């Protein structure tokens, strides 16, 4: 499974060297970081998957994940010696896609990495969908355009649009949207959804597009079918 880019983040140099050599042999392009701060600087290179150690000094893996989740959509796999269920749940709730316990089998780790990348590729192969008139959503590229001009949305704004547009006519209340996109343990309040919706509508209107997100008063929001 060559040509894919991995970011390995761990402060234990021997583990980093082992994983770097192994995945390089498997044909991956491998980037490494020994701290959360270094990892944040490398996510701009848009890795296809991130392996993230939980137990790091200064900024631990959970904090790194919360910081970068708005910047990348690729799978994030936590690696940790913590075996308690509450730790695994916490890792998944902050935006992780898997949780692998040390010591681990390289064969199992490789299988999980490849499975997540295949799943992510299938997700990216979704077709473009054109809605009213010239409004188009490219689910593979995570882009929204009107009359072929890209409308810039933040990751969370796009995520809201994707959720609503893929369930046309279905009403979601603010709490449902918040839990689906931020997780049950998100640091914030479901009221931020109203502000995100306001910004989405403003950007669509500024681009000249109709606004297909409807408010169902007293209940929530839906994408007009």
Protein backbone atom coordinates (compact mmCIF):
# COMPACT_ATOMS: atom_id res chain seq x y z
CA UNK A 1 0.00 0.00 0.00
CA UNK A 2 2.52 2.55 -1.17
CA UNK A 3 2.36 6.31 -1.83
CA UNK A 4 0.42 7.03 1.36
CA UNK A 5 1.80 9.46 3.91
CA UNK A 6 1.95 8.57 7.62
CA UNK A 7 2.68 10.85 10.55
CA UNK A 8 4.04 9.00 13.60
CA UNK A 9 4.03 10.97 16.86
CA UNK A 10 5.79 9.46 19.89
CA UNK A 11 8.41 10.70 22.35
CA UNK A 12 10.00 7.21 22.61
CA UNK A 13 12.69 7.29 19.95
CA UNK A 14 13.10 3.51 19.73
CA UNK A 15 9.40 3.06 18.92
CA UNK A 16 9.52 5.85 16.35
CA UNK A 17 12.53 4.28 14.63
CA UNK A 18 10.89 0.83 14.64
CA UNK A 19 7.65 2.12 13.12
CA UNK A 20 9.44 4.38 10.65
CA UNK A 21 11.59 1.53 9.34
CA UNK A 22 8.67 -0.90 9.21
CA UNK A 23 6.24 1.35 7.35
CA UNK A 24 8.94 2.69 5.04
CA UNK A 25 9.62 -0.93 4.08
CA UNK A 26 5.87 -1.32 3.43
CA UNK A 27 6.06 1.53 0.93
CA UNK A 28 4.68 4.40 2.99
CA UNK A 29 6.11 7.90 3.13
CA UNK A 30 6.77 8.41 6.85
CA UNK A 31 7.00 11.66 8.80
CA UNK A 32 7.85 11.62 12.52
CA UNK A 33 7.42 13.94 15.46
CA UNK A 34 8.72 13.58 19.02
CA UNK A 35 6.26 16.02 20.60
CA UNK A 36 2.78 17.40 20.20
CA UNK A 37 4.15 20.76 19.10
CA UNK A 38 6.14 19.16 16.28
CA UNK A 39 3.10 17.15 15.22
CA UNK A 40 0.94 20.27 14.95
CA UNK A 41 3.54 21.79 12.64
CA UNK A 42 3.53 18.73 10.38
CA UNK A 43 -0.22 18.31 9.89
CA UNK A 44 -0.08 21.07 7.27
CA UNK A 45 1.45 18.43 5.00
CA UNK A 46 -1.91 16.57 5.11
CA UNK A 47 -0.92 13.03 6.11
CA UNK A 48 -3.20 10.16 5.10
CA UNK A 49 -3.10 8.73 8.63
CA UNK A 50 -1.71 9.81 12.01
CA UNK A 51 -0.39 7.45 14.70
CA UNK A 52 -0.45 9.38 17.95
CA UNK A 53 1.01 8.34 21.32
CA UNK A 54 -1.21 9.31 24.26
CA UNK A 55 1.47 9.64 26.96
CA UNK A 56 3.71 12.52 25.95
CA UNK A 57 5.09 15.37 28.08
CA UNK A 58 3.90 18.98 27.76
CA UNK A 59 1.05 18.27 25.34
CA UNK A 60 -0.36 14.75 25.48
CA UNK A 61 -1.90 12.90 22.55
CA UNK A 62 -5.47 13.69 23.52
CA UNK A 63 -4.70 17.41 23.55
CA UNK A 64 -2.89 17.14 20.21
CA UNK A 65 -5.89 15.36 18.68
CA UNK A 66 -8.30 18.04 19.89
CA UNK A 67 -6.02 20.70 18.43
CA UNK A 68 -5.53 19.14 14.99
CA UNK A 69 -8.92 17.50 14.43
CA UNK A 70 -10.27 20.71 12.92
CA UNK A 71 -7.30 20.80 10.53
CA UNK A 72 -7.28 17.23 9.18
CA UNK A 73 -9.94 14.67 8.32
CA UNK A 74 -7.63 11.65 8.03
CA UNK A 75 -7.84 8.70 10.45
CA UNK A 76 -6.09 9.18 13.81
CA UNK A 77 -4.90 6.05 15.64
CA UNK A 78 -3.98 6.40 19.30
CA UNK A 79 -1.15 4.26 20.67
CA UNK A 80 -1.01 3.88 24.44
CA UNK A 81 -0.01 1.61 27.32
CA UNK A 82 -3.23 2.60 29.09
CA UNK A 83 -5.61 -0.35 29.00
CA UNK A 84 -8.61 1.01 30.91
CA UNK A 85 -11.86 1.26 28.97
CA UNK A 86 -12.33 4.87 30.06
CA UNK A 87 -9.03 5.78 28.35
CA UNK A 88 -10.11 4.18 25.07
CA UNK A 89 -13.47 5.93 25.23
CA UNK A 90 -11.77 9.26 25.91
CA UNK A 91 -9.47 8.76 22.92
CA UNK A 92 -12.36 8.04 20.57
CA UNK A 93 -14.49 10.86 21.93
CA UNK A 94 -11.88 13.55 21.15
CA UNK A 95 -11.74 12.52 17.50
CA UNK A 96 -9.61 9.38 17.35
CA UNK A 97 -10.59 6.54 15.03
CA UNK A 98 -8.86 3.66 16.79
CA UNK A 99 -6.99 2.86 20.00
CA UNK A 100 -4.06 0.43 19.99
CA UNK A 101 -2.54 -0.80 23.23
CA UNK A 102 1.21 -1.21 23.79
CA UNK A 103 2.87 -3.63 23.36
CA UNK A 104 1.34 -4.26 19.96
CA UNK A 105 1.89 -6.62 17.06
CA UNK A 106 3.35 -4.95 13.98
CA UNK A 107 1.19 -7.22 11.81
CA UNK A 108 -2.00 -6.12 13.58
CA UNK A 109 -0.97 -2.47 13.56
CA UNK A 110 -0.24 -2.63 9.82
CA UNK A 111 -3.58 -4.32 9.16
CA UNK A 112 -5.42 -1.62 11.09
CA UNK A 113 -3.54 1.19 9.34
CA UNK A 114 -4.33 -0.27 5.92
CA UNK A 115 -7.98 -0.90 6.84
CA UNK A 116 -8.45 2.71 7.98
CA UNK A 117 -6.82 4.06 4.83
CA UNK A 118 -9.01 1.84 2.62
CA UNK A 119 -12.11 2.98 4.50
CA UNK A 120 -11.06 6.61 4.14
CA UNK A 121 -10.47 6.12 0.41
CA UNK A 122 -13.96 4.62 -0.02
CA UNK A 123 -15.38 7.66 1.73
CA UNK A 124 -13.49 9.98 -0.63
CA UNK A 125 -14.90 8.16 -3.66
CA UNK A 126 -18.41 9.47 -3.00
CA UNK A 127 -19.74 11.24 -6.04
CA UNK A 128 -20.32 14.94 -6.43
CA UNK A 129 -23.91 15.96 -5.80
CA UNK A 130 -25.50 18.99 -7.38
CA UNK A 131 -28.29 20.61 -5.45
CA UNK A 132 -30.47 23.58 -6.37
CA UNK A 133 -29.28 25.29 -9.56
CA UNK A 134 -25.49 25.74 -9.41
CA UNK A 135 -24.77 24.68 -5.82
CA UNK A 136 -22.52 21.60 -5.76
CA UNK A 137 -20.96 19.53 -2.96
CA UNK A 138 -17.92 17.42 -3.73
CA UNK A 139 -17.84 14.95 -0.85
CA UNK A 140 -14.52 13.49 -2.00
CA UNK A 141 -12.69 16.82 -2.04
CA UNK A 142 -14.77 18.20 0.86
CA UNK A 143 -15.52 21.29 -1.25
CA UNK A 144 -18.67 23.29 -1.87
CA UNK A 145 -19.03 25.49 -4.91
CA UNK A 146 -21.58 27.76 -6.52
CA UNK A 147 -21.34 28.31 -10.28
CA UNK A 148 -17.97 26.51 -10.10
CA UNK A 149 -16.54 29.00 -7.58
CA UNK A 150 -15.37 27.40 -4.33
CA UNK A 151 -17.02 28.77 -1.17
CA UNK A 152 -14.55 28.70 1.76
CA UNK A 153 -15.98 26.90 4.78
CA UNK A 154 -14.24 25.86 7.98
CA UNK A 155 -14.03 22.14 8.76
CA UNK A 156 -16.90 22.30 11.26
CA UNK A 157 -19.06 24.33 8.88
CA UNK A 158 -18.43 21.78 6.15
CA UNK A 159 -19.15 18.90 8.55
CA UNK A 160 -22.55 20.43 9.38
CA UNK A 161 -23.35 20.87 5.70
CA UNK A 162 -22.30 17.29 4.94
CA UNK A 163 -24.41 15.88 7.78
CA UNK A 164 -27.55 17.80 6.81
CA UNK A 165 -27.18 17.42 3.04
CA UNK A 166 -26.65 13.67 3.24
CA UNK A 167 -29.91 13.35 5.19
CA UNK A 168 -32.17 15.62 3.16
CA UNK A 169 -35.47 16.35 4.84
CA UNK A 170 -34.39 14.88 8.19
CA UNK A 171 -34.55 17.28 11.14
CA UNK A 172 -31.59 17.41 13.53
CA UNK A 173 -31.71 19.39 16.76
CA UNK A 174 -28.64 21.31 17.95
CA UNK A 175 -27.74 18.67 20.52
CA UNK A 176 -27.75 15.88 17.89
CA UNK A 177 -25.52 17.87 15.54
CA UNK A 178 -23.13 18.75 18.37
CA UNK A 179 -22.84 15.16 19.61
CA UNK A 180 -22.24 13.80 16.08
CA UNK A 181 -19.53 16.32 15.24
CA UNK A 182 -17.90 17.12 18.59
CA UNK A 183 -18.60 13.90 20.50
CA UNK A 184 -20.28 13.45 23.84
CA UNK A 185 -17.31 14.91 25.71
CA UNK A 186 -16.82 17.95 23.50
CA UNK A 187 -15.58 21.09 25.23
CA UNK A 188 -18.34 23.51 24.42
CA UNK A 189 -22.06 24.01 24.14
CA UNK A 190 -24.61 22.93 21.56
CA UNK A 191 -25.53 26.61 21.16
CA UNK A 192 -22.43 27.03 18.96
CA UNK A 193 -24.39 25.17 16.25
CA UNK A 194 -26.68 28.17 15.76
CA UNK A 195 -23.65 30.40 15.20
CA UNK A 196 -22.14 27.95 12.70
CA UNK A 197 -25.47 27.77 10.84
CA UNK A 198 -25.61 31.57 10.73
CA UNK A 199 -22.12 31.74 9.19
CA UNK A 200 -22.94 28.99 6.66
CA UNK A 201 -26.06 30.84 5.52
CA UNK A 202 -24.15 34.11 5.25
CA UNK A 203 -21.44 32.53 3.08
CA UNK A 204 -23.95 30.85 0.79
CA UNK A 205 -25.92 34.07 0.41
CA UNK A 206 -22.77 36.09 -0.24
CA UNK A 207 -21.89 33.67 -3.06
CA UNK A 208 -25.33 34.22 -4.59
CA UNK A 209 -26.67 30.78 -3.76
CA UNK A 210 -30.04 29.95 -2.28
CA UNK A 211 -29.79 28.66 1.30
CA UNK A 212 -31.12 25.08 1.56
CA UNK A 213 -30.76 24.86 5.35
CA UNK A 214 -34.15 25.44 6.95
CA UNK A 215 -34.93 26.15 10.57
CA UNK A 216 -37.70 23.99 11.98
CA UNK A 217 -38.78 26.24 14.83
CA UNK A 218 -38.59 24.68 18.26
CA UNK A 219 -36.93 21.54 16.87
CA UNK A 220 -33.77 22.12 14.84
CA UNK A 221 -32.50 22.26 11.27
CA UNK A 222 -32.91 20.33 8.04
CA UNK A 223 -31.59 20.39 4.48
CA UNK A 224 -34.46 21.21 2.13
CA UNK A 225 -35.21 18.16 -0.04
